């Protein structure tokens, strides 16, 4: 038998000179304004060119904080979502931030533009969110085998065919806002996975 062994692919996360928009930094944390389009950490299809690669270039010592693939990362934003991200620069900060996120001491608010106008104009969406039963790469509101997801929203401004919403999430499920907005019939504008 002839056997072909593919070349070894390194899993090492390397520093890359990617510009960072730093909102705040001290010896324990760094707060970054993540732009849309930037993936947070290396994963399938995105082995480099991520926020983690940029952070390691800025703070080379951070490779040891919480592992090689996600050093200092305690929360994520979707690739096409922009916003502030807090990153730990020390083990103590990592532990404190992880505890704060896990125990609900961090409050996350977002602004998003959706197709249509939610009815009512202000409300709470509380569902189970889990893997889509058919399209496993997507998330969905499910009847069972999901995790509780809670989203509050309020219309800030109405446009002809869209609305600007203020959104507060009480849980941090994958794609939570996008899934919940689709669930109420108002998908996020520009969302090519759950939107129009």
N, C-alpha and C. Protein backbone atom coordinates (compact mmCIF):
# COMPACT_ATOMS: atom_id res chain seq x y z
N UNK A 1 0.82 -1.20 0.00
CA UNK A 1 0.00 0.00 0.00
C UNK A 1 0.86 1.26 0.00
N UNK A 2 0.43 2.24 -0.75
CA UNK A 2 1.08 3.54 -0.72
C UNK A 2 0.28 4.44 0.20
N UNK A 3 0.96 5.09 1.09
CA UNK A 3 0.31 5.99 2.04
C UNK A 3 0.93 7.37 1.89
N UNK A 4 0.08 8.37 1.76
CA UNK A 4 0.56 9.75 1.70
C UNK A 4 0.27 10.42 3.03
N UNK A 5 1.29 10.93 3.65
CA UNK A 5 1.13 11.62 4.92
C UNK A 5 1.24 13.12 4.64
N UNK A 6 0.18 13.87 4.98
CA UNK A 6 0.22 15.31 4.71
C UNK A 6 1.28 15.99 5.57
N UNK A 7 1.76 17.13 5.10
CA UNK A 7 2.77 17.85 5.89
C UNK A 7 2.19 18.29 7.22
N UNK A 8 3.06 18.36 8.20
CA UNK A 8 2.65 18.79 9.54
C UNK A 8 2.29 20.27 9.50
N UNK A 9 1.15 20.58 10.13
CA UNK A 9 0.71 21.96 10.22
C UNK A 9 0.91 22.42 11.66
N UNK A 10 1.64 23.50 11.83
CA UNK A 10 1.89 24.00 13.18
C UNK A 10 0.63 24.62 13.77
N UNK A 11 0.46 24.43 15.08
CA UNK A 11 -0.68 25.04 15.77
C UNK A 11 -0.21 26.24 16.58
N UNK A 12 1.05 26.60 16.41
CA UNK A 12 1.61 27.71 17.17
C UNK A 12 0.95 29.03 16.74
N UNK A 13 0.55 29.80 17.73
CA UNK A 13 -0.03 31.11 17.46
C UNK A 13 1.10 32.12 17.47
N UNK A 14 1.27 32.82 16.37
CA UNK A 14 2.40 33.72 16.21
C UNK A 14 1.96 35.18 16.25
N UNK A 15 2.82 36.06 16.77
CA UNK A 15 2.51 37.50 16.72
C UNK A 15 2.47 37.99 15.28
N UNK A 16 1.53 38.90 15.01
CA UNK A 16 1.45 39.52 13.69
C UNK A 16 1.20 41.01 13.88
N UNK A 17 1.83 41.80 13.03
CA UNK A 17 1.71 43.25 13.13
C UNK A 17 0.39 43.70 12.51
N UNK A 18 -0.67 43.59 13.30
CA UNK A 18 -2.00 44.01 12.89
C UNK A 18 -2.37 45.19 13.78
N UNK A 19 -2.78 46.32 13.21
CA UNK A 19 -3.07 47.50 14.03
C UNK A 19 -4.18 47.22 15.05
N UNK A 20 -4.00 47.76 16.25
CA UNK A 20 -4.99 47.66 17.32
C UNK A 20 -5.50 49.05 17.68
N UNK A 21 -6.81 49.16 17.88
CA UNK A 21 -7.42 50.40 18.37
C UNK A 21 -7.59 50.22 19.87
N UNK A 22 -6.61 50.68 20.64
CA UNK A 22 -6.59 50.47 22.09
C UNK A 22 -7.35 51.60 22.77
N UNK A 23 -8.40 51.21 23.51
CA UNK A 23 -9.22 52.18 24.25
C UNK A 23 -8.67 52.44 25.64
N UNK A 24 -8.05 51.42 26.24
CA UNK A 24 -7.49 51.53 27.59
C UNK A 24 -6.48 50.41 27.78
N UNK A 25 -5.44 50.70 28.53
CA UNK A 25 -4.46 49.66 28.85
C UNK A 25 -3.77 49.99 30.16
N UNK A 26 -3.58 48.97 30.99
CA UNK A 26 -2.74 49.09 32.18
C UNK A 26 -1.96 47.79 32.31
N UNK A 27 -1.38 47.54 33.47
CA UNK A 27 -0.55 46.34 33.62
C UNK A 27 -1.37 45.05 33.67
N UNK A 28 -2.68 45.14 33.91
CA UNK A 28 -3.51 43.94 34.07
C UNK A 28 -4.42 43.64 32.88
N UNK A 29 -4.92 44.67 32.21
CA UNK A 29 -5.88 44.46 31.12
C UNK A 29 -5.59 45.39 29.95
N UNK A 30 -6.17 45.03 28.83
CA UNK A 30 -6.16 45.89 27.66
C UNK A 30 -7.58 45.85 27.09
N UNK A 31 -8.12 47.02 26.76
CA UNK A 31 -9.46 47.11 26.16
C UNK A 31 -9.28 47.57 24.73
N UNK A 32 -9.80 46.76 23.83
CA UNK A 32 -9.60 47.00 22.40
C UNK A 32 -10.93 47.23 21.72
N UNK A 33 -10.96 48.18 20.80
CA UNK A 33 -12.13 48.39 19.95
C UNK A 33 -11.97 47.47 18.74
N UNK A 34 -12.64 46.30 18.79
CA UNK A 34 -12.51 45.32 17.72
C UNK A 34 -13.30 45.78 16.50
N UNK A 35 -12.66 45.86 15.35
CA UNK A 35 -13.39 46.25 14.14
C UNK A 35 -14.17 45.07 13.55
N UNK A 36 -15.20 45.35 12.76
CA UNK A 36 -15.89 44.25 12.08
C UNK A 36 -14.94 43.57 11.10
N UNK A 37 -15.11 42.27 10.93
CA UNK A 37 -14.28 41.51 10.00
C UNK A 37 -13.10 40.83 10.65
N UNK A 38 -12.72 41.25 11.85
CA UNK A 38 -11.57 40.65 12.53
C UNK A 38 -12.04 39.50 13.41
N UNK A 39 -11.49 38.31 13.17
CA UNK A 39 -11.79 37.14 13.98
C UNK A 39 -11.02 37.27 15.29
N UNK A 40 -11.62 36.83 16.40
CA UNK A 40 -10.99 37.02 17.72
C UNK A 40 -9.80 36.10 17.91
N UNK A 41 -9.94 34.80 17.65
CA UNK A 41 -8.84 33.87 17.89
C UNK A 41 -8.74 32.86 16.76
N UNK A 42 -7.58 32.24 16.59
CA UNK A 42 -7.42 31.25 15.52
C UNK A 42 -8.43 30.11 15.66
N UNK A 43 -8.95 29.67 14.52
CA UNK A 43 -9.90 28.57 14.46
C UNK A 43 -9.86 28.01 13.04
N UNK A 44 -10.64 26.99 12.80
CA UNK A 44 -10.71 26.40 11.46
C UNK A 44 -11.10 27.49 10.46
N UNK A 45 -10.33 27.61 9.42
CA UNK A 45 -10.58 28.62 8.40
C UNK A 45 -9.93 29.97 8.69
N UNK A 46 -9.45 30.16 9.91
CA UNK A 46 -8.80 31.42 10.31
C UNK A 46 -7.58 31.09 11.18
N UNK A 47 -6.54 30.51 10.59
CA UNK A 47 -5.38 30.11 11.40
C UNK A 47 -4.54 31.28 11.90
N UNK A 48 -4.68 32.45 11.26
CA UNK A 48 -3.92 33.62 11.68
C UNK A 48 -4.67 34.87 11.24
N UNK A 49 -4.03 36.02 11.43
CA UNK A 49 -4.68 37.28 11.08
C UNK A 49 -5.80 37.63 12.04
N UNK A 50 -5.71 37.15 13.28
CA UNK A 50 -6.77 37.34 14.27
C UNK A 50 -6.38 38.39 15.30
N UNK A 51 -7.33 38.73 16.13
CA UNK A 51 -7.07 39.66 17.23
C UNK A 51 -5.99 39.11 18.15
N UNK A 52 -6.01 37.81 18.40
CA UNK A 52 -4.99 37.20 19.25
C UNK A 52 -3.60 37.39 18.66
N UNK A 53 -3.46 37.20 17.35
CA UNK A 53 -2.16 37.43 16.71
C UNK A 53 -1.70 38.87 16.91
N UNK A 54 -2.63 39.82 16.80
CA UNK A 54 -2.29 41.23 16.99
C UNK A 54 -1.91 41.52 18.44
N UNK A 55 -2.64 40.93 19.39
CA UNK A 55 -2.35 41.15 20.81
C UNK A 55 -0.97 40.59 21.17
N UNK A 56 -0.64 39.41 20.64
CA UNK A 56 0.67 38.83 20.92
C UNK A 56 1.80 39.68 20.37
N UNK A 57 1.55 40.40 19.29
CA UNK A 57 2.55 41.32 18.76
C UNK A 57 2.72 42.51 19.70
N UNK A 58 1.62 42.97 20.26
CA UNK A 58 1.64 44.11 21.18
C UNK A 58 2.16 43.73 22.56
N UNK A 59 1.80 42.54 23.03
CA UNK A 59 2.18 42.06 24.37
C UNK A 59 2.70 40.63 24.26
N UNK A 60 3.95 40.43 23.85
CA UNK A 60 4.47 39.08 23.61
C UNK A 60 4.40 38.14 24.80
N UNK A 61 4.45 38.68 26.02
CA UNK A 61 4.43 37.83 27.22
C UNK A 61 3.09 37.12 27.43
N UNK A 62 2.04 37.53 26.73
CA UNK A 62 0.70 37.02 26.99
C UNK A 62 0.46 35.61 26.49
N UNK A 63 1.40 35.03 25.77
CA UNK A 63 1.21 33.68 25.24
C UNK A 63 0.89 32.68 26.34
N UNK A 64 1.36 32.94 27.55
CA UNK A 64 1.13 31.99 28.65
C UNK A 64 -0.20 32.23 29.38
N UNK A 65 -0.93 33.30 29.06
CA UNK A 65 -2.17 33.61 29.77
C UNK A 65 -3.32 32.83 29.14
N UNK A 66 -3.79 31.80 29.79
CA UNK A 66 -4.98 31.03 29.39
C UNK A 66 -4.77 30.19 28.13
N UNK A 67 -3.56 29.81 27.83
CA UNK A 67 -3.35 28.89 26.71
C UNK A 67 -2.92 29.58 25.44
N UNK A 68 -2.36 28.78 24.54
CA UNK A 68 -1.73 29.29 23.33
C UNK A 68 -2.72 29.84 22.31
N UNK A 69 -3.91 29.22 22.19
CA UNK A 69 -4.83 29.62 21.14
C UNK A 69 -5.62 30.87 21.53
N UNK A 70 -5.95 31.02 22.81
CA UNK A 70 -6.78 32.14 23.25
C UNK A 70 -6.14 32.89 24.42
N UNK A 71 -4.91 33.31 24.31
CA UNK A 71 -4.27 33.97 25.44
C UNK A 71 -4.99 35.26 25.85
N UNK A 72 -5.42 35.31 27.11
CA UNK A 72 -6.07 36.50 27.65
C UNK A 72 -7.51 36.70 27.25
N UNK A 73 -8.04 35.85 26.40
CA UNK A 73 -9.41 36.04 25.90
C UNK A 73 -10.42 35.49 26.89
N UNK A 74 -11.30 36.35 27.39
CA UNK A 74 -12.34 35.92 28.33
C UNK A 74 -13.73 36.02 27.72
N UNK A 75 -13.87 36.73 26.61
CA UNK A 75 -15.15 36.81 25.91
C UNK A 75 -14.86 37.08 24.44
N UNK A 76 -15.87 36.87 23.61
CA UNK A 76 -15.66 37.03 22.17
C UNK A 76 -16.74 37.91 21.58
N UNK A 77 -16.46 38.42 20.41
CA UNK A 77 -17.45 39.07 19.57
C UNK A 77 -17.41 38.36 18.22
N UNK A 78 -18.57 38.21 17.60
CA UNK A 78 -18.62 37.59 16.28
C UNK A 78 -17.70 38.34 15.32
N UNK A 79 -17.26 37.65 14.29
CA UNK A 79 -16.33 38.22 13.31
C UNK A 79 -16.81 39.57 12.78
N UNK A 80 -18.08 39.69 12.43
CA UNK A 80 -18.56 40.93 11.83
C UNK A 80 -19.15 41.91 12.83
N UNK A 81 -18.95 41.64 14.11
CA UNK A 81 -19.42 42.55 15.17
C UNK A 81 -18.25 43.41 15.63
N UNK A 82 -18.50 44.70 15.77
CA UNK A 82 -17.47 45.60 16.30
C UNK A 82 -17.84 45.93 17.74
N UNK A 83 -16.82 46.32 18.51
CA UNK A 83 -17.10 46.73 19.88
C UNK A 83 -15.92 46.51 20.80
N UNK A 84 -16.10 46.94 22.03
CA UNK A 84 -15.04 46.86 23.04
C UNK A 84 -14.86 45.43 23.53
N UNK A 85 -13.62 45.01 23.60
CA UNK A 85 -13.26 43.71 24.16
C UNK A 85 -12.22 43.91 25.24
N UNK A 86 -12.45 43.28 26.39
CA UNK A 86 -11.51 43.32 27.50
C UNK A 86 -10.66 42.06 27.43
N UNK A 87 -9.33 42.24 27.46
CA UNK A 87 -8.40 41.12 27.38
C UNK A 87 -7.49 41.16 28.60
N UNK A 88 -7.31 40.01 29.23
CA UNK A 88 -6.45 39.91 30.41
C UNK A 88 -4.99 39.85 30.02
N UNK A 89 -4.15 40.56 30.77
CA UNK A 89 -2.71 40.54 30.52
C UNK A 89 -1.95 39.75 31.58
N UNK A 90 -2.65 39.34 32.65
CA UNK A 90 -2.03 38.56 33.71
C UNK A 90 -2.96 37.41 34.09
N UNK A 91 -2.41 36.40 34.75
CA UNK A 91 -3.24 35.28 35.22
C UNK A 91 -4.28 35.77 36.23
N UNK A 92 -3.89 36.68 37.12
CA UNK A 92 -4.83 37.20 38.12
C UNK A 92 -5.99 37.92 37.45
N UNK A 93 -5.68 38.73 36.45
CA UNK A 93 -6.75 39.45 35.73
C UNK A 93 -7.62 38.45 34.98
N UNK A 94 -7.02 37.43 34.39
CA UNK A 94 -7.78 36.41 33.67
C UNK A 94 -8.79 35.74 34.59
N UNK A 95 -8.33 35.35 35.77
CA UNK A 95 -9.22 34.69 36.74
C UNK A 95 -10.32 35.62 37.20
N UNK A 96 -9.98 36.86 37.50
CA UNK A 96 -10.99 37.83 37.97
C UNK A 96 -12.02 38.13 36.88
N UNK A 97 -11.58 38.31 35.64
CA UNK A 97 -12.50 38.59 34.55
C UNK A 97 -13.38 37.38 34.24
N UNK A 98 -12.80 36.21 34.22
CA UNK A 98 -13.59 34.99 33.97
C UNK A 98 -14.66 34.83 35.03
N UNK A 99 -14.31 35.10 36.29
CA UNK A 99 -15.27 35.02 37.39
C UNK A 99 -16.38 36.06 37.21
N UNK A 100 -16.01 37.28 36.83
CA UNK A 100 -17.00 38.35 36.64
C UNK A 100 -17.98 38.01 35.52
N UNK A 101 -17.48 37.47 34.41
CA UNK A 101 -18.35 37.09 33.30
C UNK A 101 -19.26 35.93 33.72
N UNK A 102 -18.68 34.93 34.37
CA UNK A 102 -19.43 33.74 34.75
C UNK A 102 -20.53 34.06 35.76
N UNK A 103 -20.29 35.01 36.65
CA UNK A 103 -21.24 35.32 37.70
C UNK A 103 -22.16 36.50 37.39
N UNK A 104 -22.17 36.94 36.13
CA UNK A 104 -23.11 37.97 35.71
C UNK A 104 -22.78 39.37 36.19
N UNK A 105 -21.52 39.64 36.50
CA UNK A 105 -21.13 40.98 36.95
C UNK A 105 -20.75 41.90 35.80
N UNK A 106 -20.74 41.37 34.60
CA UNK A 106 -20.42 42.16 33.41
C UNK A 106 -21.72 42.37 32.64
N UNK A 107 -21.99 43.61 32.29
CA UNK A 107 -23.21 43.94 31.56
C UNK A 107 -22.84 44.32 30.14
N UNK A 108 -23.41 43.61 29.17
CA UNK A 108 -23.07 43.83 27.76
C UNK A 108 -24.25 44.46 27.05
N UNK A 109 -24.00 45.60 26.41
CA UNK A 109 -25.03 46.26 25.63
C UNK A 109 -24.52 46.49 24.21
N UNK A 110 -25.44 46.48 23.27
CA UNK A 110 -25.11 46.59 21.86
C UNK A 110 -26.10 47.52 21.18
N UNK A 111 -25.72 48.01 20.02
CA UNK A 111 -26.64 48.69 19.12
C UNK A 111 -26.63 47.91 17.83
N UNK A 112 -27.80 47.73 17.24
CA UNK A 112 -27.88 47.02 15.98
C UNK A 112 -29.03 47.58 15.15
N UNK A 113 -28.89 47.47 13.86
CA UNK A 113 -29.97 47.86 12.96
C UNK A 113 -30.60 46.58 12.43
N UNK A 114 -31.93 46.52 12.51
CA UNK A 114 -32.65 45.33 12.06
C UNK A 114 -33.62 45.68 10.94
N UNK A 115 -33.94 44.68 10.15
CA UNK A 115 -34.98 44.82 9.14
C UNK A 115 -36.33 44.83 9.85
N UNK A 116 -37.21 45.73 9.43
CA UNK A 116 -38.54 45.77 10.02
C UNK A 116 -38.56 46.52 11.34
N UNK A 117 -39.68 46.42 12.03
CA UNK A 117 -39.89 47.12 13.29
C UNK A 117 -40.44 46.14 14.30
N UNK A 118 -39.71 45.88 15.38
CA UNK A 118 -40.19 44.91 16.36
C UNK A 118 -41.53 45.34 16.97
N UNK A 119 -42.37 44.37 17.23
CA UNK A 119 -43.65 44.61 17.89
C UNK A 119 -43.76 43.62 19.04
N UNK A 120 -43.67 44.10 20.27
CA UNK A 120 -43.69 45.50 20.71
C UNK A 120 -42.35 46.19 20.47
N UNK A 121 -42.35 47.52 20.64
CA UNK A 121 -41.15 48.32 20.39
C UNK A 121 -40.07 48.08 21.44
N UNK A 122 -40.44 47.51 22.56
CA UNK A 122 -39.50 47.22 23.64
C UNK A 122 -39.92 45.90 24.25
N UNK A 123 -38.95 45.03 24.54
CA UNK A 123 -39.34 43.76 25.12
C UNK A 123 -38.18 42.90 25.51
N UNK A 124 -38.52 41.71 25.98
CA UNK A 124 -37.54 40.70 26.38
C UNK A 124 -37.81 39.44 25.57
N UNK A 125 -36.74 38.86 25.06
CA UNK A 125 -36.81 37.58 24.36
C UNK A 125 -36.11 36.57 25.26
N UNK A 126 -36.82 35.53 25.65
CA UNK A 126 -36.25 34.50 26.53
C UNK A 126 -36.58 33.15 25.92
N UNK A 127 -35.56 32.47 25.39
CA UNK A 127 -35.75 31.20 24.70
C UNK A 127 -34.58 30.28 25.02
N UNK A 128 -34.66 29.07 24.51
CA UNK A 128 -33.50 28.19 24.46
C UNK A 128 -32.83 28.40 23.12
N UNK A 129 -31.51 28.46 23.11
CA UNK A 129 -30.74 28.57 21.87
C UNK A 129 -29.78 27.39 21.82
N UNK A 130 -29.76 26.72 20.68
CA UNK A 130 -28.86 25.58 20.49
C UNK A 130 -28.54 25.42 19.03
N UNK A 131 -27.86 24.35 18.69
CA UNK A 131 -27.51 24.07 17.30
C UNK A 131 -28.78 23.89 16.47
N UNK A 132 -28.77 24.44 15.28
CA UNK A 132 -29.89 24.28 14.35
C UNK A 132 -30.04 22.79 14.07
N UNK A 133 -31.26 22.25 14.08
CA UNK A 133 -31.44 20.81 13.91
C UNK A 133 -31.01 20.27 12.55
N UNK A 134 -30.97 21.11 11.53
CA UNK A 134 -30.58 20.67 10.19
C UNK A 134 -29.22 21.25 9.80
N UNK A 135 -29.06 22.56 9.94
CA UNK A 135 -27.81 23.24 9.55
C UNK A 135 -26.95 23.40 10.79
N UNK A 136 -26.12 22.40 11.07
CA UNK A 136 -25.39 22.30 12.34
C UNK A 136 -24.39 23.43 12.57
N UNK A 137 -23.98 24.14 11.52
CA UNK A 137 -23.04 25.24 11.71
C UNK A 137 -23.75 26.50 12.20
N UNK A 138 -25.09 26.48 12.19
CA UNK A 138 -25.88 27.63 12.64
C UNK A 138 -26.51 27.35 14.00
N UNK A 139 -26.89 28.42 14.68
CA UNK A 139 -27.63 28.32 15.93
C UNK A 139 -29.09 28.64 15.63
N UNK A 140 -29.98 28.26 16.56
CA UNK A 140 -31.41 28.51 16.36
C UNK A 140 -32.12 28.52 17.71
N UNK A 141 -33.31 29.10 17.73
CA UNK A 141 -34.19 28.95 18.87
C UNK A 141 -34.71 27.52 18.79
N UNK A 142 -34.57 26.77 19.89
CA UNK A 142 -34.95 25.36 19.91
C UNK A 142 -35.91 25.09 21.06
N UNK A 143 -36.63 23.99 20.96
CA UNK A 143 -37.59 23.59 22.00
C UNK A 143 -36.89 22.86 23.14
N UNK A 144 -35.81 22.12 22.80
CA UNK A 144 -35.06 21.38 23.82
C UNK A 144 -33.61 21.27 23.38
N UNK A 145 -32.77 20.79 24.28
CA UNK A 145 -31.34 20.62 24.01
C UNK A 145 -30.65 21.94 23.68
N UNK A 146 -31.11 23.01 24.30
CA UNK A 146 -30.47 24.30 24.14
C UNK A 146 -30.15 24.89 25.50
N UNK A 147 -29.59 26.07 25.48
CA UNK A 147 -29.28 26.80 26.71
C UNK A 147 -30.14 28.05 26.75
N UNK A 148 -30.54 28.45 27.95
CA UNK A 148 -31.37 29.63 28.11
C UNK A 148 -30.63 30.86 27.58
N UNK A 149 -31.35 31.68 26.83
CA UNK A 149 -30.79 32.91 26.27
C UNK A 149 -31.81 34.02 26.52
N UNK A 150 -31.32 35.12 27.11
CA UNK A 150 -32.20 36.24 27.46
C UNK A 150 -31.66 37.52 26.85
N UNK A 151 -32.51 38.19 26.06
CA UNK A 151 -32.15 39.42 25.38
C UNK A 151 -33.23 40.46 25.61
N UNK A 152 -32.84 41.65 26.08
CA UNK A 152 -33.75 42.79 26.15
C UNK A 152 -33.44 43.72 24.98
N UNK A 153 -34.48 44.32 24.41
CA UNK A 153 -34.27 45.24 23.30
C UNK A 153 -35.23 46.41 23.43
N UNK A 154 -34.84 47.52 22.82
CA UNK A 154 -35.70 48.70 22.75
C UNK A 154 -35.37 49.45 21.47
N UNK A 155 -36.41 49.90 20.78
CA UNK A 155 -36.22 50.67 19.55
C UNK A 155 -35.73 52.07 19.93
N UNK A 156 -34.62 52.47 19.33
CA UNK A 156 -34.05 53.80 19.56
C UNK A 156 -34.53 54.76 18.48
N UNK A 157 -34.57 54.26 17.24
CA UNK A 157 -34.98 55.10 16.12
C UNK A 157 -35.61 54.23 15.04
N UNK A 158 -36.68 54.74 14.45
CA UNK A 158 -37.36 54.03 13.37
C UNK A 158 -36.98 54.67 12.04
N UNK A 159 -36.73 53.82 11.04
CA UNK A 159 -36.48 54.27 9.68
C UNK A 159 -37.60 53.72 8.81
N UNK A 160 -37.52 53.94 7.51
CA UNK A 160 -38.61 53.48 6.64
C UNK A 160 -38.78 51.96 6.67
N UNK A 161 -37.68 51.23 6.56
CA UNK A 161 -37.75 49.77 6.51
C UNK A 161 -36.93 49.09 7.60
N UNK A 162 -36.24 49.85 8.41
CA UNK A 162 -35.37 49.30 9.44
C UNK A 162 -35.59 50.03 10.76
N UNK A 163 -34.96 49.50 11.80
CA UNK A 163 -35.00 50.14 13.11
C UNK A 163 -33.65 49.98 13.79
N UNK A 164 -33.25 51.02 14.51
CA UNK A 164 -32.05 50.97 15.34
C UNK A 164 -32.48 50.53 16.73
N UNK A 165 -31.84 49.48 17.23
CA UNK A 165 -32.18 48.95 18.55
C UNK A 165 -31.04 49.09 19.52
N UNK A 166 -31.40 49.31 20.79
CA UNK A 166 -30.49 49.16 21.91
C UNK A 166 -30.75 47.76 22.46
N UNK A 167 -29.71 46.93 22.57
CA UNK A 167 -29.88 45.54 22.97
C UNK A 167 -28.99 45.25 24.17
N UNK A 168 -29.57 44.59 25.16
CA UNK A 168 -28.81 44.15 26.33
C UNK A 168 -28.98 42.65 26.45
N UNK A 169 -27.86 41.93 26.51
CA UNK A 169 -27.95 40.49 26.67
C UNK A 169 -27.60 40.11 28.11
N UNK A 170 -28.37 39.18 28.64
CA UNK A 170 -28.15 38.70 30.01
C UNK A 170 -27.41 37.37 30.02
N UNK A 171 -27.29 36.76 28.84
CA UNK A 171 -26.54 35.53 28.67
C UNK A 171 -25.65 35.74 27.46
N UNK A 172 -24.70 34.89 27.26
CA UNK A 172 -23.76 35.09 26.16
C UNK A 172 -23.72 33.91 25.21
N UNK A 173 -24.85 33.54 24.66
CA UNK A 173 -24.90 32.41 23.75
C UNK A 173 -24.34 32.78 22.38
N UNK A 174 -23.81 31.80 21.69
CA UNK A 174 -23.27 32.01 20.35
C UNK A 174 -24.33 32.59 19.43
N UNK A 175 -24.02 33.72 18.81
CA UNK A 175 -24.91 34.40 17.85
C UNK A 175 -26.25 34.80 18.47
N UNK A 176 -26.28 35.01 19.78
CA UNK A 176 -27.54 35.24 20.48
C UNK A 176 -28.39 36.36 19.91
N UNK A 177 -27.82 37.52 19.71
CA UNK A 177 -28.61 38.66 19.20
C UNK A 177 -29.13 38.35 17.81
N UNK A 178 -28.28 37.82 16.96
CA UNK A 178 -28.69 37.52 15.58
C UNK A 178 -29.80 36.48 15.54
N UNK A 179 -29.70 35.45 16.37
CA UNK A 179 -30.72 34.41 16.42
C UNK A 179 -32.02 34.96 16.99
N UNK A 180 -31.94 35.76 18.06
CA UNK A 180 -33.15 36.31 18.66
C UNK A 180 -33.84 37.31 17.75
N UNK A 181 -33.08 38.12 17.05
CA UNK A 181 -33.71 39.09 16.14
C UNK A 181 -34.41 38.36 14.99
N UNK A 182 -33.79 37.32 14.47
CA UNK A 182 -34.45 36.52 13.43
C UNK A 182 -35.73 35.90 13.99
N UNK A 183 -35.66 35.43 15.23
CA UNK A 183 -36.80 34.76 15.87
C UNK A 183 -38.02 35.67 15.96
N UNK A 184 -37.79 36.98 16.17
CA UNK A 184 -38.93 37.90 16.26
C UNK A 184 -39.27 38.53 14.90
N UNK A 185 -38.64 38.03 13.85
CA UNK A 185 -38.96 38.49 12.50
C UNK A 185 -38.27 39.76 12.08
N UNK A 186 -37.21 40.15 12.78
CA UNK A 186 -36.46 41.38 12.46
C UNK A 186 -34.97 41.07 12.41
N UNK A 187 -34.51 40.35 11.36
CA UNK A 187 -33.10 39.97 11.32
C UNK A 187 -32.17 41.19 11.23
N UNK A 188 -30.96 41.00 11.72
CA UNK A 188 -29.95 42.06 11.71
C UNK A 188 -29.57 42.39 10.27
N UNK A 189 -29.53 43.69 9.96
CA UNK A 189 -29.13 44.14 8.63
C UNK A 189 -27.67 43.72 8.37
N UNK A 190 -27.44 43.16 7.20
CA UNK A 190 -26.08 42.75 6.83
C UNK A 190 -25.69 41.37 7.31
N UNK A 191 -26.56 40.68 8.05
CA UNK A 191 -26.26 39.35 8.55
C UNK A 191 -26.49 38.34 7.44
N UNK A 192 -25.40 37.79 6.90
CA UNK A 192 -25.53 36.87 5.77
C UNK A 192 -25.81 35.42 6.21
N UNK A 193 -25.87 35.18 7.50
CA UNK A 193 -26.17 33.83 7.99
C UNK A 193 -27.63 33.71 8.43
N UNK A 194 -28.09 34.67 9.21
CA UNK A 194 -29.46 34.61 9.74
C UNK A 194 -30.38 35.65 9.12
N UNK A 195 -29.81 36.56 8.35
CA UNK A 195 -30.61 37.67 7.82
C UNK A 195 -31.11 37.42 6.41
N UNK A 196 -31.46 38.54 5.79
CA UNK A 196 -32.01 38.48 4.43
C UNK A 196 -30.87 38.50 3.42
